[in-house]
Amino acid sequence: MLILDNVILKIDLREFDYKKYPIFKPLGTYYEIYPCDRGFLVYGELELILFDEQFGERWRYATQDILFGGQELSLDENGIRFEDFEGNYHEVDWQGNQRKYLNYQGVIADGNKGSNDRKEE
């Protein structure tokens, strides 16, 4: 499986076939796709997107600036953790809800600093 900017390409080398799955309404560039037990998690310049096994979009989580500050995503049974380019810390659960936001100065912010568009609960 490859991600080419805003297209996911699933390649079947045994059958010499491929399928394209476009990412609609992209925000910036997409960098990597992570297979997980809930489907596929795509991360990009400004957002995370969770797709189900058939590449139906389940939810999006976007921030104000570049998502990743050179660190890997941390995935576990509780959700996804990462630090953005400005050093802000984010925790997102597997339903696309923000669990924690800590700004670069160490202050826990009120409200949702990221945004999410959930396709299903």
C-alpha atoms as a PDB file:
ATOM      1  CA  MET A   1       0.000   0.000   0.000  1.00  0.00           C
ATOM      2  CA  LEU A   2       1.282   3.459  -0.904  1.00  0.00           C
ATOM      3  CA  ILE A   3       0.120   6.970  -0.272  1.00  0.00           C
ATOM      4  CA  LEU A   4       0.812   9.438  -3.072  1.00  0.00           C
ATOM      5  CA  ASP A   5      -0.182  12.859  -1.771  1.00  0.00           C
ATOM      6  CA  ASN A   6      -4.001  12.616  -1.725  1.00  0.00           C
ATOM      7  CA  VAL A   7      -4.400   9.112  -3.220  1.00  0.00           C
ATOM      8  CA  ILE A   8      -4.066   5.759  -1.463  1.00  0.00           C
ATOM      9  CA  LEU A   9      -2.845   3.070  -3.842  1.00  0.00           C
ATOM     10  CA  LYS A  10      -3.454  -0.566  -2.887  1.00  0.00           C
ATOM     11  CA  ILE A  11      -1.282  -2.846  -5.034  1.00  0.00           C
ATOM     12  CA  ASP A  12      -1.830  -6.581  -5.501  1.00  0.00           C
ATOM     13  CA  LEU A  13       1.416  -7.965  -6.903  1.00  0.00           C
ATOM     14  CA  ARG A  14       0.044 -11.499  -7.254  1.00  0.00           C
ATOM     15  CA  GLU A  15      -2.718 -10.319  -9.570  1.00  0.00           C
ATOM     16  CA  PHE A  16      -0.750  -7.415 -11.111  1.00  0.00           C
ATOM     17  CA  ASP A  17      -3.607  -5.126 -10.165  1.00  0.00           C
ATOM     18  CA  TYR A  18      -4.149  -1.968  -8.153  1.00  0.00           C
ATOM     19  CA  LYS A  19      -6.981   0.111  -6.725  1.00  0.00           C
ATOM     20  CA  LYS A  20      -6.987   3.863  -6.135  1.00  0.00           C
ATOM     21  CA  TYR A  21      -8.745   5.475  -3.174  1.00  0.00           C
ATOM     22  CA  PRO A  22      -8.761   9.289  -3.343  1.00  0.00           C
ATOM     23  CA  ILE A  23      -8.713  11.442  -0.226  1.00  0.00           C
ATOM     24  CA  PHE A  24     -11.460  14.011  -0.736  1.00  0.00           C
ATOM     25  CA  LYS A  25     -11.077  17.636   0.404  1.00  0.00           C
ATOM     26  CA  PRO A  26      -7.396  17.265   1.303  1.00  0.00           C
ATOM     27  CA  LEU A  27      -5.735  19.631   3.762  1.00  0.00           C
ATOM     28  CA  GLY A  28      -2.098  19.838   2.740  1.00  0.00           C
ATOM     29  CA  THR A  29       0.126  16.903   1.856  1.00  0.00           C
ATOM     30  CA  TYR A  30      -0.206  13.361   3.247  1.00  0.00           C
ATOM     31  CA  TYR A  31       2.888  11.539   4.408  1.00  0.00           C
ATOM     32  CA  GLU A  32       2.174   8.034   5.625  1.00  0.00           C
ATOM     33  CA  ILE A  33      -0.481   5.373   6.098  1.00  0.00           C
ATOM     34  CA  TYR A  34      -0.582   3.129   9.156  1.00  0.00           C
ATOM     35  CA  PRO A  35      -2.543  -0.148   9.056  1.00  0.00           C
ATOM     36  CA  CYS A  36      -4.225  -0.681  12.436  1.00  0.00           C
ATOM     37  CA  ASP A  37      -6.921  -2.950  13.854  1.00  0.00           C
ATOM     38  CA  ARG A  38      -9.519  -0.211  13.190  1.00  0.00           C
ATOM     39  CA  GLY A  39      -8.592   0.211   9.515  1.00  0.00           C
ATOM     40  CA  PHE A  40      -5.991   2.642   8.188  1.00  0.00           C
ATOM     41  CA  LEU A  41      -4.720   5.824   9.785  1.00  0.00           C
ATOM     42  CA  VAL A  42      -3.367   8.458   7.392  1.00  0.00           C
ATOM     43  CA  TYR A  43      -1.356  11.382   8.654  1.00  0.00           C
ATOM     44  CA  GLY A  44      -0.458  14.467   6.760  1.00  0.00           C
ATOM     45  CA  GLU A  45       0.675  18.019   7.012  1.00  0.00           C
ATOM     46  CA  LEU A  46      -2.438  19.291   8.796  1.00  0.00           C
ATOM     47  CA  GLU A  47      -4.640  16.334   9.707  1.00  0.00           C
ATOM     48  CA  LEU A  48      -5.129  12.721  10.712  1.00  0.00           C
ATOM     49  CA  ILE A  49      -7.770  10.642   8.909  1.00  0.00           C
ATOM     50  CA  LEU A  50      -9.054   7.222   9.973  1.00  0.00           C
ATOM     51  CA  PHE A  51     -10.399   4.999   7.192  1.00  0.00           C
ATOM     52  CA  ASP A  52     -12.189   1.683   7.684  1.00  0.00           C
ATOM     53  CA  GLU A  53     -11.024  -1.516   5.952  1.00  0.00           C
ATOM     54  CA  GLN A  54     -12.890  -0.554   2.741  1.00  0.00           C
ATOM     55  CA  PHE A  55     -11.322   2.954   2.796  1.00  0.00           C
ATOM     56  CA  GLY A  56     -14.503   4.671   3.900  1.00  0.00           C
ATOM     57  CA  GLU A  57     -13.627   7.761   5.914  1.00  0.00           C
ATOM     58  CA  ARG A  58     -14.568   7.466   9.596  1.00  0.00           C
ATOM     59  CA  TRP A  59     -13.191  10.750  10.979  1.00  0.00           C
ATOM     60  CA  ARG A  60     -10.654  13.574  10.579  1.00  0.00           C
ATOM     61  CA  TYR A  61      -8.672  15.487  13.147  1.00  0.00           C
ATOM     62  CA  ALA A  62      -6.987  18.727  12.081  1.00  0.00           C
ATOM     63  CA  THR A  63      -4.832  21.288  13.860  1.00  0.00           C
ATOM     64  CA  GLN A  64      -3.804  24.879  13.287  1.00  0.00           C
ATOM     65  CA  ASP A  65      -0.320  24.171  12.007  1.00  0.00           C
ATOM     66  CA  ILE A  66       1.879  21.378  10.720  1.00  0.00           C
ATOM     67  CA  LEU A  67       0.925  18.237  12.611  1.00  0.00           C
ATOM     68  CA  PHE A  68       4.203  16.530  13.226  1.00  0.00           C
ATOM     69  CA  GLY A  69       7.397  17.956  14.581  1.00  0.00           C
ATOM     70  CA  GLY A  70       9.638  15.164  13.310  1.00  0.00           C
ATOM     71  CA  GLN A  71       8.415  12.598  15.820  1.00  0.00           C
ATOM     72  CA  GLU A  72       6.543   9.413  15.098  1.00  0.00           C
ATOM     73  CA  LEU A  73       2.929   8.877  16.012  1.00  0.00           C
ATOM     74  CA  SER A  74       2.355   6.803  19.099  1.00  0.00           C
ATOM     75  CA  LEU A  75      -0.556   4.363  18.677  1.00  0.00           C
ATOM     76  CA  ASP A  76      -2.045   2.182  21.410  1.00  0.00           C
ATOM     77  CA  GLU A  77      -5.438   0.818  22.498  1.00  0.00           C
ATOM     78  CA  ASN A  78      -6.428   4.223  23.942  1.00  0.00           C
ATOM     79  CA  GLY A  79      -5.665   6.307  20.863  1.00  0.00           C
ATOM     80  CA  ILE A  80      -3.028   8.357  19.091  1.00  0.00           C
ATOM     81  CA  ARG A  81      -0.437  10.700  20.604  1.00  0.00           C
ATOM     82  CA  PHE A  82       1.814  13.150  18.799  1.00  0.00           C
ATOM     83  CA  GLU A  83       3.561  16.484  19.040  1.00  0.00           C
ATOM     84  CA  ASP A  84       3.001  19.123  16.357  1.00  0.00           C
ATOM     85  CA  PHE A  85       5.579  21.361  14.691  1.00  0.00           C
ATOM     86  CA  GLU A  86       5.198  24.066  17.351  1.00  0.00           C
ATOM     87  CA  GLY A  87       5.745  21.573  20.189  1.00  0.00           C
ATOM     88  CA  ASN A  88       2.089  21.276  21.215  1.00  0.00           C
ATOM     89  CA  TYR A  89       1.114  17.821  22.522  1.00  0.00           C
ATOM     90  CA  HIS A  90      -2.083  16.113  21.262  1.00  0.00           C
ATOM     91  CA  GLU A  91      -3.954  12.968  22.312  1.00  0.00           C
ATOM     92  CA  VAL A  92      -6.842  11.753  20.142  1.00  0.00           C
ATOM     93  CA  ASP A  93      -9.012   8.715  20.912  1.00  0.00           C
ATOM     94  CA  TRP A  94     -10.043   6.134  18.300  1.00  0.00           C
ATOM     95  CA  GLN A  95     -13.377   7.944  17.767  1.00  0.00           C
ATOM     96  CA  GLY A  96     -11.526  11.088  16.633  1.00  0.00           C
ATOM     97  CA  ASN A  97     -12.128  13.033  19.856  1.00  0.00           C
ATOM     98  CA  GLN A  98      -9.384  15.117  21.387  1.00  0.00           C
ATOM     99  CA  ARG A  99      -8.497  13.665  24.799  1.00  0.00           C
ATOM    100  CA  LYS A 100      -5.703  16.067  25.686  1.00  0.00           C
ATOM    101  CA  TYR A 101      -4.037  19.191  24.327  1.00  0.00           C
ATOM    102  CA  LEU A 102      -1.001  20.681  26.007  1.00  0.00           C
ATOM    103  CA  ASN A 103       0.473  23.793  24.428  1.00  0.00           C
ATOM    104  CA  TYR A 104       4.214  24.247  24.018  1.00  0.00           C
ATOM    105  CA  GLN A 105       4.365  26.336  27.212  1.00  0.00           C
ATOM    106  CA  GLY A 106       2.964  23.467  29.257  1.00  0.00           C
ATOM    107  CA  VAL A 107      -0.507  24.936  29.687  1.00  0.00           C
ATOM    108  CA  ILE A 108      -3.480  22.641  29.237  1.00  0.00           C
ATOM    109  CA  ALA A 109      -5.792  24.528  26.928  1.00  0.00           C
ATOM    110  CA  ASP A 110      -9.531  24.821  27.420  1.00  0.00           C
ATOM    111  CA  GLY A 111     -11.672  23.620  24.558  1.00  0.00           C
ATOM    112  CA  ASN A 112     -10.722  21.713  21.459  1.00  0.00           C
ATOM    113  CA  LYS A 113      -7.675  23.236  19.783  1.00  0.00           C
ATOM    114  CA  GLY A 114      -7.845  20.666  17.031  1.00  0.00           C
ATOM    115  CA  SER A 115     -10.985  19.991  15.068  1.00  0.00           C
ATOM    116  CA  ASN A 116     -12.591  16.786  14.027  1.00  0.00           C
ATOM    117  CA  ASP A 117     -15.207  15.696  11.550  1.00  0.00           C
ATOM    118  CA  ARG A 118     -16.618  12.372  12.628  1.00  0.00           C
ATOM    119  CA  LYS A 119     -18.413  10.247  10.070  1.00  0.00           C
ATOM    120  CA  GLU A 120     -19.761   7.786  12.621  1.00  0.00           C
ATOM    121  CA  GLU A 121     -19.944   7.517  16.373  1.00  0.00           C
END
